[in-house]
Protein backbone atom coordinates (compact mmCIF):
# COMPACT_ATOMS: atom_id res chain seq x y z
CA MET A 1 -64.70 -48.12 -23.60
CA GLY A 2 -67.64 -49.91 -25.69
CA ASP A 3 -70.30 -47.69 -24.42
CA PHE A 4 -67.97 -44.59 -25.33
CA LYS A 5 -68.14 -46.20 -29.07
CA ILE A 6 -71.84 -46.85 -29.12
CA GLU A 7 -72.20 -43.20 -28.01
CA MET A 8 -69.47 -41.57 -30.56
CA THR A 9 -71.40 -43.89 -33.30
CA ILE A 10 -74.71 -42.20 -32.37
CA PHE A 11 -73.47 -38.91 -32.04
CA LEU A 12 -71.62 -39.17 -35.61
CA SER A 13 -74.87 -40.41 -37.19
CA LEU A 14 -76.71 -38.03 -35.57
CA GLY A 15 -74.17 -35.23 -37.00
CA VAL A 16 -74.71 -36.55 -40.35
CA ALA A 17 -78.45 -36.43 -40.14
CA VAL A 18 -78.73 -33.31 -39.02
CA PHE A 19 -76.45 -32.08 -41.89
CA CYS A 20 -78.67 -33.95 -44.62
CA VAL A 21 -81.66 -32.49 -43.16
CA CYS A 22 -80.43 -28.88 -43.06
CA ILE A 23 -79.13 -29.03 -46.72
CA ILE A 24 -82.69 -30.76 -47.85
CA MET A 25 -84.50 -28.00 -46.10
CA ILE A 26 -82.52 -25.64 -47.89
CA ILE A 27 -83.38 -26.68 -51.35
CA PRO A 28 -87.19 -26.03 -51.41
CA PHE A 29 -86.47 -22.53 -50.16
CA TYR A 30 -83.93 -22.49 -52.71
CA PHE A 31 -86.28 -23.38 -55.42
CA SER A 32 -88.93 -21.60 -54.14
CA ILE A 33 -86.78 -18.20 -54.12
CA LEU A 34 -85.64 -18.61 -58.16
CA LYS A 35 -89.59 -19.19 -58.99
CA ILE A 36 -90.62 -16.44 -57.80
CA GLU A 37 -87.80 -14.48 -58.91
CA ASN A 38 -88.12 -15.95 -62.43
CA THR A 39 -92.14 -14.95 -61.90
CA LEU A 40 -91.01 -11.58 -60.91
CA TRP A 41 -88.84 -10.73 -63.68
CA ASN A 42 -91.01 -12.17 -66.18
CA ASN A 43 -94.29 -9.97 -64.78
CA ILE A 44 -91.43 -6.95 -65.47
CA ARG A 45 -90.44 -7.83 -68.66
CA GLU A 46 -94.24 -8.29 -70.14
CA LYS A 47 -95.36 -5.14 -67.97
CA ALA A 48 -92.57 -2.69 -70.10
CA TYR A 49 -93.23 -4.74 -73.24
CA LYS A 50 -96.80 -3.87 -73.00
CA ARG A 51 -96.21 -0.15 -71.97
CA TYR A 52 -93.62 0.11 -74.68
CA PHE A 53 -96.31 -1.13 -77.52
CA GLU A 54 -98.95 1.13 -75.83
CA LEU A 55 -96.76 3.98 -76.08
CA LYS A 56 -95.46 3.34 -79.59
CA GLN A 57 -98.97 3.29 -80.58
CA THR A 58 -99.91 6.25 -78.89
CA ILE A 59 -97.13 8.23 -80.68
CA SER A 60 -98.21 6.34 -84.11
CA GLU A 61 -101.67 7.64 -83.48
CA ARG A 62 -100.51 11.14 -82.71
CA LEU A 63 -97.96 11.06 -85.99
CA LYS A 64 -101.51 10.46 -87.80
CA ASP A 65 -103.82 12.40 -86.63
CA VAL A 66 -101.60 15.29 -85.86
CA HIS A 67 -99.33 15.23 -88.33
CA SER A 68 -100.64 13.45 -91.56
CA HIS A 69 -97.69 10.46 -91.22
CA PRO A 70 -98.15 7.51 -92.64
CA ALA A 71 -99.16 4.55 -89.41
CA ILE A 72 -96.18 2.84 -87.88
CA GLU A 73 -96.35 -0.64 -88.27
CA LEU A 74 -96.89 -2.43 -84.86
CA ASN A 75 -96.27 -5.88 -84.34
CA ASP A 76 -94.16 -7.93 -81.41
CA ARG A 77 -92.45 -9.96 -83.65
CA HIS A 78 -89.10 -9.00 -81.34
CA HIS A 79 -90.90 -10.15 -78.73
CA SER A 80 -89.94 -13.67 -77.33
CA GLU A 81 -92.24 -16.12 -75.67
CA LYS A 82 -89.59 -18.14 -74.24
CA PRO A 83 -89.69 -17.42 -70.32
CA PHE A 84 -87.21 -15.42 -68.74
CA SER A 85 -84.79 -17.17 -66.41
CA PHE A 86 -82.83 -15.04 -63.71
CA LYS A 87 -79.87 -16.28 -63.01
CA SER A 88 -79.27 -15.31 -59.55
CA TYR A 89 -78.54 -18.63 -57.73
CA TRP A 90 -75.05 -17.80 -57.16
CA ASN A 91 -76.29 -15.44 -54.70
CA TYR A 92 -77.60 -18.37 -52.51
CA ILE A 93 -75.50 -21.22 -53.69
CA TRP A 94 -72.15 -19.94 -52.00
CA ARG A 95 -73.80 -19.33 -48.93
CA VAL A 96 -75.18 -22.81 -48.99
CA PHE A 97 -71.30 -23.81 -50.27
CA ILE A 98 -69.64 -22.19 -46.95
CA TYR A 99 -72.24 -24.34 -44.92
CA MET A 100 -70.93 -27.61 -46.63
CA ALA A 101 -67.00 -26.29 -46.47
CA ALA A 102 -67.39 -25.63 -43.14
CA VAL A 103 -68.96 -29.34 -42.47
CA PHE A 104 -66.00 -30.50 -44.86
CA ILE A 105 -63.23 -28.96 -42.95
CA PHE A 106 -64.96 -30.00 -39.55
CA SER A 107 -65.17 -33.92 -40.77
CA VAL A 108 -61.07 -33.38 -42.16
CA VAL A 109 -60.00 -32.17 -38.86
CA ASN A 110 -62.11 -34.69 -36.57
CA ILE A 111 -60.74 -37.56 -38.77
CA ASN A 112 -57.68 -36.67 -39.44
CA TYR A 113 -56.88 -35.70 -35.89
CA PHE A 114 -59.17 -37.29 -33.58
CA TYR A 115 -60.19 -40.29 -35.26
CA ASP A 116 -56.60 -41.07 -36.45
CA LYS A 117 -55.32 -40.14 -32.99
CA CYS A 118 -57.47 -42.44 -31.22
CA ALA A 119 -57.26 -44.89 -33.76
CA ASP A 120 -53.28 -45.07 -33.20
CA TYR A 121 -54.05 -45.46 -29.46
CA LEU A 122 -56.38 -48.52 -30.45
CA LEU A 123 -53.67 -50.04 -31.95
CA TYR A 124 -50.60 -49.09 -29.79
CA ARG A 125 -52.32 -50.45 -26.58
CA PRO A 126 -52.15 -54.40 -27.45
CA GLU A 127 -48.85 -53.59 -28.87
CA VAL A 128 -47.51 -52.22 -25.54
CA LEU A 129 -48.95 -54.40 -23.17
CA LYS A 130 -48.02 -57.25 -25.37
CA ASN A 131 -44.13 -56.18 -24.81
CA LEU A 132 -44.74 -55.76 -21.42
CA ILE A 133 -45.53 -59.34 -20.87
CA ASN A 134 -43.38 -60.74 -23.51
CA LEU A 135 -40.85 -58.63 -21.38
CA GLN A 136 -41.77 -60.20 -18.27
CA ILE A 137 -41.83 -63.72 -19.48
CA ALA A 138 -38.61 -63.46 -21.07
CA HIS A 139 -37.22 -62.46 -17.72
CA THR A 140 -38.28 -65.31 -15.89
CA SER A 141 -36.85 -67.20 -19.25
CA LEU A 142 -33.91 -65.21 -18.76
CA SER A 143 -33.47 -66.80 -14.97
CA ILE A 144 -34.03 -70.05 -16.07
CA TRP A 145 -31.38 -70.25 -18.84
CA THR A 146 -28.58 -68.28 -17.21
CA ASN A 147 -28.63 -71.06 -14.36
CA GLU A 148 -28.93 -74.00 -16.61
CA ALA A 149 -26.14 -72.64 -18.16
CA ALA A 150 -24.09 -71.95 -15.28
CA TYR A 151 -25.05 -75.48 -14.25
CA GLY A 152 -24.12 -76.79 -17.00
CA ILE A 153 -20.26 -75.83 -16.31
CA LEU A 154 -20.63 -76.64 -13.14
CA GLY A 155 -21.47 -80.14 -14.04
CA TRP A 156 -25.33 -80.40 -13.02
CA PRO A 157 -27.18 -79.56 -15.57
CA MET A 158 -30.76 -80.03 -15.78
CA ARG A 159 -30.51 -82.72 -18.75
CA LEU A 160 -29.26 -84.89 -15.97
CA GLN A 161 -32.70 -84.23 -14.50
CA PHE A 162 -34.27 -85.71 -17.51
CA PRO A 163 -32.40 -88.06 -19.72
CA TYR A 164 -34.70 -89.13 -21.90
CA SER A 165 -37.01 -86.24 -22.22
CA TYR A 166 -35.09 -83.04 -21.91
CA PRO A 167 -35.78 -80.96 -25.29
CA PHE A 168 -33.13 -78.49 -25.64
CA GLU A 169 -29.80 -79.01 -27.64
CA ASN A 170 -27.82 -75.84 -25.84
CA SER A 171 -29.14 -73.57 -23.06
CA LYS A 172 -26.87 -70.86 -23.71
CA GLU A 173 -27.94 -70.71 -27.54
CA ILE A 174 -31.34 -70.13 -26.27
CA LEU A 175 -30.46 -67.71 -23.78
CA ASN A 176 -28.73 -65.80 -26.42
CA GLU A 177 -31.89 -65.95 -28.33
CA VAL A 178 -33.35 -64.35 -25.27
CA ILE A 179 -31.26 -61.77 -24.61
CA SER A 180 -32.35 -60.87 -28.39
CA LYS A 181 -36.12 -61.03 -27.29
CA ILE A 182 -35.36 -58.70 -24.30
CA ASN A 183 -33.19 -55.89 -26.14
CA TYR A 184 -36.15 -56.12 -29.05
CA SER A 185 -39.22 -55.76 -26.70
CA ASN A 186 -37.38 -53.16 -24.51
CA SER A 187 -36.78 -51.04 -27.72
CA ALA A 188 -40.18 -51.56 -29.21
CA ILE A 189 -41.84 -50.93 -25.89
CA HIS A 190 -40.38 -47.25 -26.06
CA LYS A 191 -40.65 -45.77 -29.53
CA LYS A 192 -41.79 -42.31 -29.38
CA GLU A 193 -45.54 -42.85 -30.53
CA TYR A 194 -46.12 -45.26 -27.59
CA SER A 195 -45.02 -42.35 -25.00
CA THR A 196 -48.62 -41.04 -24.58
CA ILE A 197 -49.91 -44.69 -23.65
CA LEU A 198 -46.94 -45.53 -21.19
CA SER A 199 -47.51 -43.71 -18.28
CA HIS A 200 -45.34 -40.94 -16.47
CA THR A 201 -44.66 -43.42 -13.62
CA PHE A 202 -43.32 -45.68 -16.07
CA GLU A 203 -41.05 -43.67 -17.94
CA HIS A 204 -39.52 -42.17 -14.59
CA ILE A 205 -38.86 -45.51 -13.26
CA PHE A 206 -37.35 -46.79 -16.30
CA TYR A 207 -34.88 -44.06 -17.20
CA GLU A 208 -34.48 -42.18 -13.92
CA SER A 209 -33.19 -43.22 -10.65
CA ASN A 210 -35.40 -44.41 -8.61
CA GLN A 211 -35.63 -45.99 -4.63
CA ASP A 212 -38.43 -48.50 -5.07
CA PHE A 213 -36.84 -51.33 -5.80
CA LEU A 214 -35.08 -53.29 -2.82
CA THR A 215 -32.00 -54.79 -5.36
CA ASP A 216 -29.13 -51.88 -6.03
CA ILE A 217 -29.03 -52.68 -9.31
CA PHE A 218 -32.33 -50.60 -10.22
CA ASN A 219 -31.06 -47.50 -8.73
CA LEU A 220 -30.11 -46.38 -11.63
CA GLY A 221 -32.84 -46.61 -13.57
CA MET A 222 -34.50 -49.73 -15.37
CA TYR A 223 -33.21 -49.40 -18.81
CA THR A 224 -29.60 -49.28 -17.15
CA SER A 225 -30.24 -51.72 -14.89
CA LYS A 226 -31.57 -54.30 -17.60
CA LEU A 227 -28.04 -53.89 -19.42
CA ASN A 228 -26.37 -54.86 -16.27
CA ILE A 229 -28.50 -57.83 -15.33
CA ILE A 230 -27.85 -58.99 -19.21
CA ASN A 231 -23.93 -58.41 -18.78
CA GLU A 232 -24.17 -60.42 -15.81
CA ALA A 233 -26.11 -63.26 -17.29
CA ASN A 234 -23.41 -63.57 -19.67
CA LEU A 235 -21.15 -63.80 -16.98
CA ILE A 236 -22.83 -65.93 -15.05
CA ALA A 237 -23.48 -67.91 -18.09
CA ASN A 238 -19.52 -68.78 -18.65
CA ASN A 239 -19.01 -68.96 -14.97
CA LEU A 240 -16.92 -65.59 -14.44
CA ALA A 241 -19.32 -64.34 -11.78
CA SER A 242 -18.98 -64.89 -8.03
CA GLN A 243 -21.76 -66.24 -5.73
CA ASP A 244 -22.55 -62.55 -4.75
CA VAL A 245 -23.02 -61.66 -7.96
CA TRP A 246 -25.47 -64.91 -9.03
CA TRP A 247 -27.29 -64.39 -5.69
CA GLY A 248 -27.91 -60.80 -6.62
CA PHE A 249 -28.87 -61.58 -10.30
CA ASN A 250 -31.53 -64.37 -9.40
CA SER A 251 -33.10 -61.85 -6.36
CA ALA A 252 -33.25 -59.02 -9.06
CA LEU A 253 -35.33 -60.95 -11.68
CA ARG A 254 -37.48 -62.14 -9.13
CA GLU A 255 -37.81 -58.58 -7.80
CA LEU A 256 -38.53 -57.70 -11.40
CA ASP A 257 -41.27 -60.23 -11.88
CA ARG A 258 -43.41 -58.64 -8.88
CA LYS A 259 -43.01 -54.95 -10.49
CA TYR A 260 -43.66 -55.89 -13.96
CA ASN A 261 -47.33 -57.11 -12.65
CA SER A 262 -48.37 -53.67 -11.15
CA TYR A 263 -46.67 -52.08 -14.21
CA ILE A 264 -48.59 -53.60 -16.52
CA GLU A 265 -51.96 -52.90 -14.67
CA GLU A 266 -50.82 -49.14 -14.29
CA ILE A 267 -49.97 -49.26 -17.73
CA ASP A 268 -53.77 -50.81 -18.19
CA LYS A 269 -55.36 -48.98 -16.80
CA HIS A 270 -53.29 -45.59 -18.12
CA SER A 271 -53.92 -46.54 -21.99
CA LYS A 272 -57.62 -47.14 -21.31
CA LYS A 273 -57.69 -43.71 -19.75
CA VAL A 274 -56.15 -41.93 -22.44
CA ILE A 275 -58.07 -43.85 -24.85
CA ASN A 276 -61.51 -42.94 -23.35
CA ASP A 277 -60.23 -39.63 -23.13
CA GLN A 278 -59.66 -39.36 -26.63
CA MET A 279 -63.40 -40.62 -27.48
CA GLN A 280 -64.68 -38.23 -25.16
CA ILE A 281 -63.09 -35.31 -27.05
CA ILE A 282 -64.69 -36.96 -30.25
CA VAL A 283 -68.20 -37.17 -28.56
CA ILE A 284 -67.63 -33.71 -27.17
CA THR A 285 -66.51 -32.25 -30.64
CA LEU A 286 -69.31 -33.93 -32.55
CA ALA A 287 -71.97 -32.38 -29.82
CA VAL A 288 -70.70 -28.89 -30.56
CA PHE A 289 -70.46 -29.35 -34.30
CA ILE A 290 -73.97 -30.66 -34.14
CA ILE A 291 -75.36 -27.42 -31.92
CA PHE A 292 -72.99 -25.40 -34.03
CA THR A 293 -74.61 -26.33 -37.21
CA LEU A 294 -78.37 -26.02 -35.69
CA ILE A 295 -77.44 -22.69 -34.88
CA LEU A 296 -76.23 -21.66 -38.02
CA TYR A 297 -78.55 -23.18 -39.86
CA PHE A 298 -81.86 -21.41 -37.79
CA GLY A 299 -80.12 -18.44 -36.73
CA PHE A 300 -78.50 -17.35 -40.17
CA TYR A 301 -79.48 -19.64 -43.10
CA LEU A 302 -83.13 -20.08 -42.16
CA VAL A 303 -83.68 -16.69 -41.36
CA PHE A 304 -82.10 -15.46 -44.59
CA PHE A 305 -83.59 -17.22 -47.07
CA TRP A 306 -86.91 -17.22 -45.42
CA GLY A 307 -86.32 -13.45 -45.52
CA GLU A 308 -85.60 -13.00 -48.80
CA LYS A 309 -88.78 -15.75 -50.06
CA ASN A 310 -91.00 -13.07 -48.38
CA TYR A 311 -88.95 -10.17 -49.55
CA LEU A 312 -89.40 -11.08 -53.47
CA LYS A 313 -93.45 -12.24 -52.43
CA LYS A 314 -93.72 -8.47 -51.66
CA ILE A 315 -92.01 -7.16 -54.72
CA ASN A 316 -94.15 -9.59 -56.78
CA SER A 317 -97.60 -8.34 -55.32
CA VAL A 318 -96.65 -4.90 -55.96
CA MET A 319 -95.92 -5.80 -59.23
CA GLU A 320 -99.24 -6.96 -59.72
CA ILE A 321 -100.97 -3.81 -59.01
CA MET A 322 -98.29 -1.95 -61.70
CA PRO A 323 -101.17 -1.71 -64.54
CA GLN A 324 -103.32 0.05 -62.78
CA GLN A 325 -100.28 2.92 -62.31
CA PHE A 326 -99.13 2.40 -66.00
CA GLY A 327 -103.14 2.97 -67.14
């Protein structure tokens, strides 16, 4: 799992780095294109004004020489020396915006779905295992305190064997606490959000009939069987059960304890696999995103900006020879 975390961090850092590098590489193209466009339109304006002034001077001379009309005053007071700024940046910004929006959407989806899902699994896994271990411990405690309560009624309590060091007050109260813990852990482990972490085998054993147990009480599924076991514990603790029920109760709890070792091991492996699979999905999506980003950049944006720059350079080159045509 540690390897996947390292791999995921590397891919995430690489993805962010690729995106930043692509954006940084686009910026010089953007300003270069704007500079060429401004130069182009300033040249066009200068040439248009110069041609207008020459034409106006020709007309003035013709009026004076041919029609004896007073000369027209020629000045360039209406001509602004302020450089012309061509506002075409939106034509390029929206393309960059689409690129950034695609990255943003990917990040939102990846964080809100894949990362959150993986984070949830990482939180759920220790909770599930903790509740399973608590159940296993509680089953042992259930056996101990049920028997202690029953022996107490029969006059053979454990306190007689340890008259000066017996630390417990009332075995039935402790038994009730154990039953409450079993009910709590039993409910906690079967929350809906834990279903992915729990293996299908465990859910089948817990809710459905199974023949995997030697003790008949578990044939109806572990959930129903535990309710019966708790009921039997109360009967035994109050000396209301037969010897056969008492013997079957202890046999069932011993078998359940052995089974829980394999259940905990199975769910531990299954939950690791679920988390590793989710991390693998994150790594794959990051790799796909990086490839998509590079293809989009080199296959579209770089080609587009490079083409625009060369196109404007050619137009600017043509504008350099336009005075010969006006002459």
